[in-house]
């Protein structure tokens, strides 16, 4: 399925935090910090039709409180407003 976000939105695949440490210790949900990182899957456009400065595959950090979650192929994805993108992580 191909999805194209409308307007100044992006679709990301959420990166979940590990539930078990490298040493094999389980981390309870109450002790985990919510990671706000994701991989860009699809990008919308500005109102004038110009592309947003993100590309498919970009690793991002995001903030904000409003997002719409969707399950695609058994994996958690999320629609975000472009204004909620804080940074692109460059390897």
N, C-alpha and C. Protein backbone atom coordinates (compact mmCIF):
# COMPACT_ATOMS: atom_id res chain seq x y z
N UNK A 1 0.84 -1.17 0.00
CA UNK A 1 0.00 0.00 0.00
C UNK A 1 0.90 1.24 0.00
N UNK A 2 0.57 2.20 -0.84
CA UNK A 2 1.33 3.44 -0.90
C UNK A 2 0.50 4.56 -0.27
N UNK A 3 1.09 5.26 0.69
CA UNK A 3 0.39 6.34 1.39
C UNK A 3 1.16 7.63 1.18
N UNK A 4 0.45 8.71 0.82
CA UNK A 4 1.05 10.03 0.65
C UNK A 4 0.36 10.98 1.62
N UNK A 5 1.08 11.49 2.63
CA UNK A 5 0.48 12.43 3.58
C UNK A 5 0.01 13.69 2.87
N UNK A 6 -1.09 14.25 3.34
CA UNK A 6 -1.66 15.47 2.76
C UNK A 6 -1.20 16.65 3.60
N UNK A 7 -0.77 17.72 2.92
CA UNK A 7 -0.35 18.92 3.62
C UNK A 7 1.02 18.76 4.26
N UNK A 8 1.26 19.56 5.29
CA UNK A 8 2.56 19.57 5.97
C UNK A 8 2.63 18.48 7.02
N UNK A 9 2.50 17.24 6.56
CA UNK A 9 2.55 16.08 7.45
C UNK A 9 3.57 15.08 6.92
N UNK A 10 4.03 14.23 7.83
CA UNK A 10 4.91 13.14 7.43
C UNK A 10 4.39 11.86 8.07
N UNK A 11 4.72 10.74 7.46
CA UNK A 11 4.40 9.43 8.01
C UNK A 11 5.72 8.81 8.43
N UNK A 12 5.80 8.36 9.69
CA UNK A 12 7.03 7.76 10.18
C UNK A 12 6.76 6.37 10.73
N UNK A 13 7.80 5.55 10.71
CA UNK A 13 7.78 4.27 11.40
C UNK A 13 8.41 4.53 12.76
N UNK A 14 7.69 4.25 13.81
CA UNK A 14 8.15 4.54 15.16
C UNK A 14 9.24 3.55 15.55
N UNK A 15 10.32 4.07 16.14
CA UNK A 15 11.39 3.22 16.67
C UNK A 15 11.10 3.01 18.14
N UNK A 16 10.88 1.76 18.51
CA UNK A 16 10.56 1.44 19.90
C UNK A 16 11.83 1.21 20.70
N UNK A 17 11.75 1.59 21.98
CA UNK A 17 12.87 1.38 22.89
C UNK A 17 12.94 -0.09 23.27
N UNK A 18 14.14 -0.57 23.48
CA UNK A 18 14.36 -1.96 23.85
C UNK A 18 13.69 -2.27 25.19
N UNK A 19 13.10 -3.46 25.30
CA UNK A 19 12.46 -3.90 26.52
C UNK A 19 13.41 -4.68 27.42
N UNK A 20 14.53 -5.11 26.85
CA UNK A 20 15.51 -5.89 27.60
C UNK A 20 16.88 -5.27 27.38
N UNK A 21 17.68 -5.13 28.45
CA UNK A 21 19.02 -4.59 28.31
C UNK A 21 19.93 -5.61 27.63
N UNK A 22 21.11 -5.16 27.24
CA UNK A 22 22.07 -6.07 26.60
C UNK A 22 22.45 -7.22 27.54
N UNK A 23 22.37 -6.97 28.84
CA UNK A 23 22.69 -8.00 29.82
C UNK A 23 21.54 -8.95 30.10
N UNK A 24 20.37 -8.71 29.46
CA UNK A 24 19.23 -9.61 29.61
C UNK A 24 18.24 -9.21 30.69
N UNK A 25 18.39 -8.01 31.25
CA UNK A 25 17.47 -7.55 32.29
C UNK A 25 16.25 -6.90 31.65
N UNK A 26 15.06 -7.33 32.06
CA UNK A 26 13.81 -6.78 31.53
C UNK A 26 13.58 -5.40 32.15
N UNK A 27 13.21 -4.41 31.30
CA UNK A 27 12.91 -3.06 31.77
C UNK A 27 11.39 -2.90 31.78
N UNK A 28 10.77 -2.71 32.96
CA UNK A 28 9.32 -2.55 33.01
C UNK A 28 8.89 -1.26 32.31
N UNK A 29 7.68 -1.26 31.78
CA UNK A 29 7.17 -0.12 31.03
C UNK A 29 7.21 1.16 31.84
N UNK A 30 6.96 1.07 33.14
CA UNK A 30 6.94 2.26 33.99
C UNK A 30 8.32 2.91 34.12
N UNK A 31 9.39 2.15 33.87
CA UNK A 31 10.75 2.67 33.99
C UNK A 31 11.34 3.13 32.66
N UNK A 32 10.67 2.81 31.56
CA UNK A 32 11.18 3.19 30.25
C UNK A 32 10.87 4.64 29.93
N UNK A 33 11.83 5.32 29.33
CA UNK A 33 11.60 6.67 28.83
C UNK A 33 11.08 6.52 27.41
N UNK A 34 10.11 7.33 27.05
CA UNK A 34 9.57 7.23 25.70
C UNK A 34 10.54 7.86 24.72
N UNK A 35 11.02 7.04 23.80
CA UNK A 35 11.89 7.52 22.75
C UNK A 35 11.02 8.18 21.69
N UNK A 36 11.39 9.33 21.28
CA UNK A 36 10.63 9.99 20.23
C UNK A 36 11.50 10.06 18.99
N UNK A 37 11.74 8.88 18.43
CA UNK A 37 12.52 8.77 17.20
C UNK A 37 11.74 7.94 16.20
N UNK A 38 12.00 8.21 14.93
CA UNK A 38 11.33 7.45 13.89
C UNK A 38 12.06 7.55 12.58
N UNK A 39 11.62 6.72 11.63
CA UNK A 39 12.16 6.71 10.28
C UNK A 39 11.07 7.21 9.34
N UNK A 40 11.40 8.20 8.52
CA UNK A 40 10.42 8.78 7.59
C UNK A 40 10.05 7.76 6.52
N UNK A 41 8.75 7.54 6.35
CA UNK A 41 8.23 6.61 5.36
C UNK A 41 7.67 7.37 4.15
N UNK A 42 6.99 8.50 4.41
CA UNK A 42 6.40 9.31 3.34
C UNK A 42 6.33 10.76 3.79
N UNK A 43 6.40 11.68 2.82
CA UNK A 43 6.45 13.11 3.12
C UNK A 43 5.39 13.85 2.31
N UNK A 44 4.69 14.78 2.96
CA UNK A 44 3.72 15.63 2.28
C UNK A 44 4.41 16.84 1.66
N UNK A 45 3.65 17.91 1.43
CA UNK A 45 4.18 19.12 0.82
C UNK A 45 3.69 20.36 1.56
N UNK A 46 4.38 21.49 1.33
CA UNK A 46 3.90 22.77 1.82
C UNK A 46 2.62 23.12 1.08
N UNK A 47 1.91 24.13 1.56
CA UNK A 47 0.65 24.55 0.91
C UNK A 47 0.87 24.96 -0.54
N UNK A 48 2.06 25.53 -0.84
CA UNK A 48 2.33 25.98 -2.22
C UNK A 48 2.80 24.84 -3.13
N UNK A 49 2.84 23.61 -2.61
CA UNK A 49 3.21 22.45 -3.41
C UNK A 49 4.69 22.08 -3.35
N UNK A 50 5.51 22.92 -2.73
CA UNK A 50 6.93 22.61 -2.61
C UNK A 50 7.13 21.49 -1.60
N UNK A 51 8.14 20.67 -1.83
CA UNK A 51 8.42 19.54 -0.95
C UNK A 51 8.99 19.96 0.39
N UNK A 52 8.68 19.20 1.41
CA UNK A 52 9.25 19.43 2.74
C UNK A 52 10.71 18.99 2.72
N UNK A 53 11.56 19.58 3.58
CA UNK A 53 12.99 19.25 3.56
C UNK A 53 13.33 17.94 4.27
N UNK A 54 12.56 16.91 4.01
CA UNK A 54 12.81 15.57 4.54
C UNK A 54 12.70 14.58 3.40
N UNK A 55 13.35 13.44 3.55
CA UNK A 55 13.29 12.40 2.53
C UNK A 55 12.94 11.08 3.17
N UNK A 56 12.39 10.19 2.40
CA UNK A 56 12.10 8.84 2.86
C UNK A 56 13.41 8.22 3.36
N UNK A 57 13.36 7.61 4.54
CA UNK A 57 14.54 6.99 5.13
C UNK A 57 15.26 7.85 6.14
N UNK A 58 14.93 9.15 6.23
CA UNK A 58 15.56 10.01 7.23
C UNK A 58 15.22 9.53 8.64
N UNK A 59 16.20 9.55 9.54
CA UNK A 59 16.02 9.19 10.95
C UNK A 59 15.80 10.49 11.69
N UNK A 60 14.65 10.65 12.34
CA UNK A 60 14.30 11.93 12.96
C UNK A 60 14.03 11.78 14.45
N UNK A 61 14.10 12.93 15.14
CA UNK A 61 13.65 13.09 16.51
C UNK A 61 12.47 14.03 16.44
N UNK A 62 11.39 13.68 17.14
CA UNK A 62 10.20 14.53 17.07
C UNK A 62 9.69 14.84 18.47
N UNK A 63 8.91 15.90 18.54
CA UNK A 63 8.28 16.31 19.79
C UNK A 63 6.79 16.41 19.56
N UNK A 64 6.13 17.21 20.37
CA UNK A 64 4.69 17.42 20.20
C UNK A 64 3.88 16.36 20.90
N UNK A 65 2.61 16.65 21.01
CA UNK A 65 1.71 15.76 21.74
C UNK A 65 0.62 15.20 20.86
N UNK A 66 0.42 15.78 19.69
CA UNK A 66 -0.67 15.34 18.83
C UNK A 66 -0.13 14.56 17.64
N UNK A 67 -0.61 13.35 17.48
CA UNK A 67 -0.24 12.52 16.34
C UNK A 67 -1.32 11.48 16.14
N UNK A 68 -1.38 10.93 14.96
CA UNK A 68 -2.34 9.89 14.65
C UNK A 68 -1.58 8.62 14.34
N UNK A 69 -1.86 7.56 15.10
CA UNK A 69 -1.17 6.30 14.91
C UNK A 69 -1.94 5.40 13.97
N UNK A 70 -1.20 4.58 13.23
CA UNK A 70 -1.80 3.66 12.28
C UNK A 70 -0.94 2.40 12.27
N UNK A 71 -1.55 1.26 12.08
CA UNK A 71 -0.84 -0.01 12.01
C UNK A 71 -0.74 -0.41 10.55
N UNK A 72 0.47 -0.48 10.03
CA UNK A 72 0.71 -0.89 8.64
C UNK A 72 1.59 -2.13 8.64
N UNK A 73 1.11 -3.19 8.07
CA UNK A 73 1.85 -4.45 7.98
C UNK A 73 2.34 -4.93 9.35
N UNK A 74 1.53 -4.71 10.38
CA UNK A 74 1.87 -5.17 11.73
C UNK A 74 2.88 -4.32 12.46
N UNK A 75 3.23 -3.16 11.92
CA UNK A 75 4.19 -2.27 12.57
C UNK A 75 3.54 -0.93 12.86
N UNK A 76 3.95 -0.30 13.97
CA UNK A 76 3.36 0.97 14.37
C UNK A 76 3.95 2.11 13.54
N UNK A 77 3.05 2.89 12.95
CA UNK A 77 3.41 4.08 12.19
C UNK A 77 2.63 5.27 12.76
N UNK A 78 3.09 6.47 12.44
CA UNK A 78 2.46 7.65 13.00
C UNK A 78 2.51 8.80 11.99
N UNK A 79 1.40 9.54 11.89
CA UNK A 79 1.37 10.77 11.11
C UNK A 79 1.73 11.91 12.05
N UNK A 80 2.68 12.75 11.65
CA UNK A 80 3.10 13.90 12.44
C UNK A 80 2.98 15.16 11.62
N UNK A 81 2.75 16.26 12.30
CA UNK A 81 2.84 17.58 11.66
C UNK A 81 4.33 17.86 11.45
N UNK A 82 4.69 18.46 10.33
CA UNK A 82 6.09 18.76 10.05
C UNK A 82 6.69 19.65 11.14
N UNK A 83 5.90 20.54 11.71
CA UNK A 83 6.40 21.46 12.74
C UNK A 83 6.87 20.72 14.00
N UNK A 84 6.45 19.47 14.18
CA UNK A 84 6.85 18.69 15.35
C UNK A 84 8.19 17.97 15.17
N UNK A 85 8.76 18.03 13.98
CA UNK A 85 10.08 17.43 13.74
C UNK A 85 11.13 18.36 14.33
N UNK A 86 11.94 17.82 15.25
CA UNK A 86 12.95 18.61 15.93
C UNK A 86 14.31 18.55 15.24
N UNK A 87 14.68 17.37 14.73
CA UNK A 87 16.00 17.21 14.14
C UNK A 87 16.06 15.97 13.26
N UNK A 88 17.03 15.97 12.36
CA UNK A 88 17.35 14.79 11.55
C UNK A 88 18.66 14.25 12.09
N UNK A 89 18.71 12.96 12.38
CA UNK A 89 19.93 12.34 12.90
C UNK A 89 20.75 11.88 11.70
N UNK A 90 21.96 12.41 11.61
CA UNK A 90 22.85 12.05 10.51
C UNK A 90 23.90 11.08 11.02
N UNK A 91 24.06 9.97 10.35
CA UNK A 91 25.03 8.96 10.78
C UNK A 91 26.42 9.26 10.28
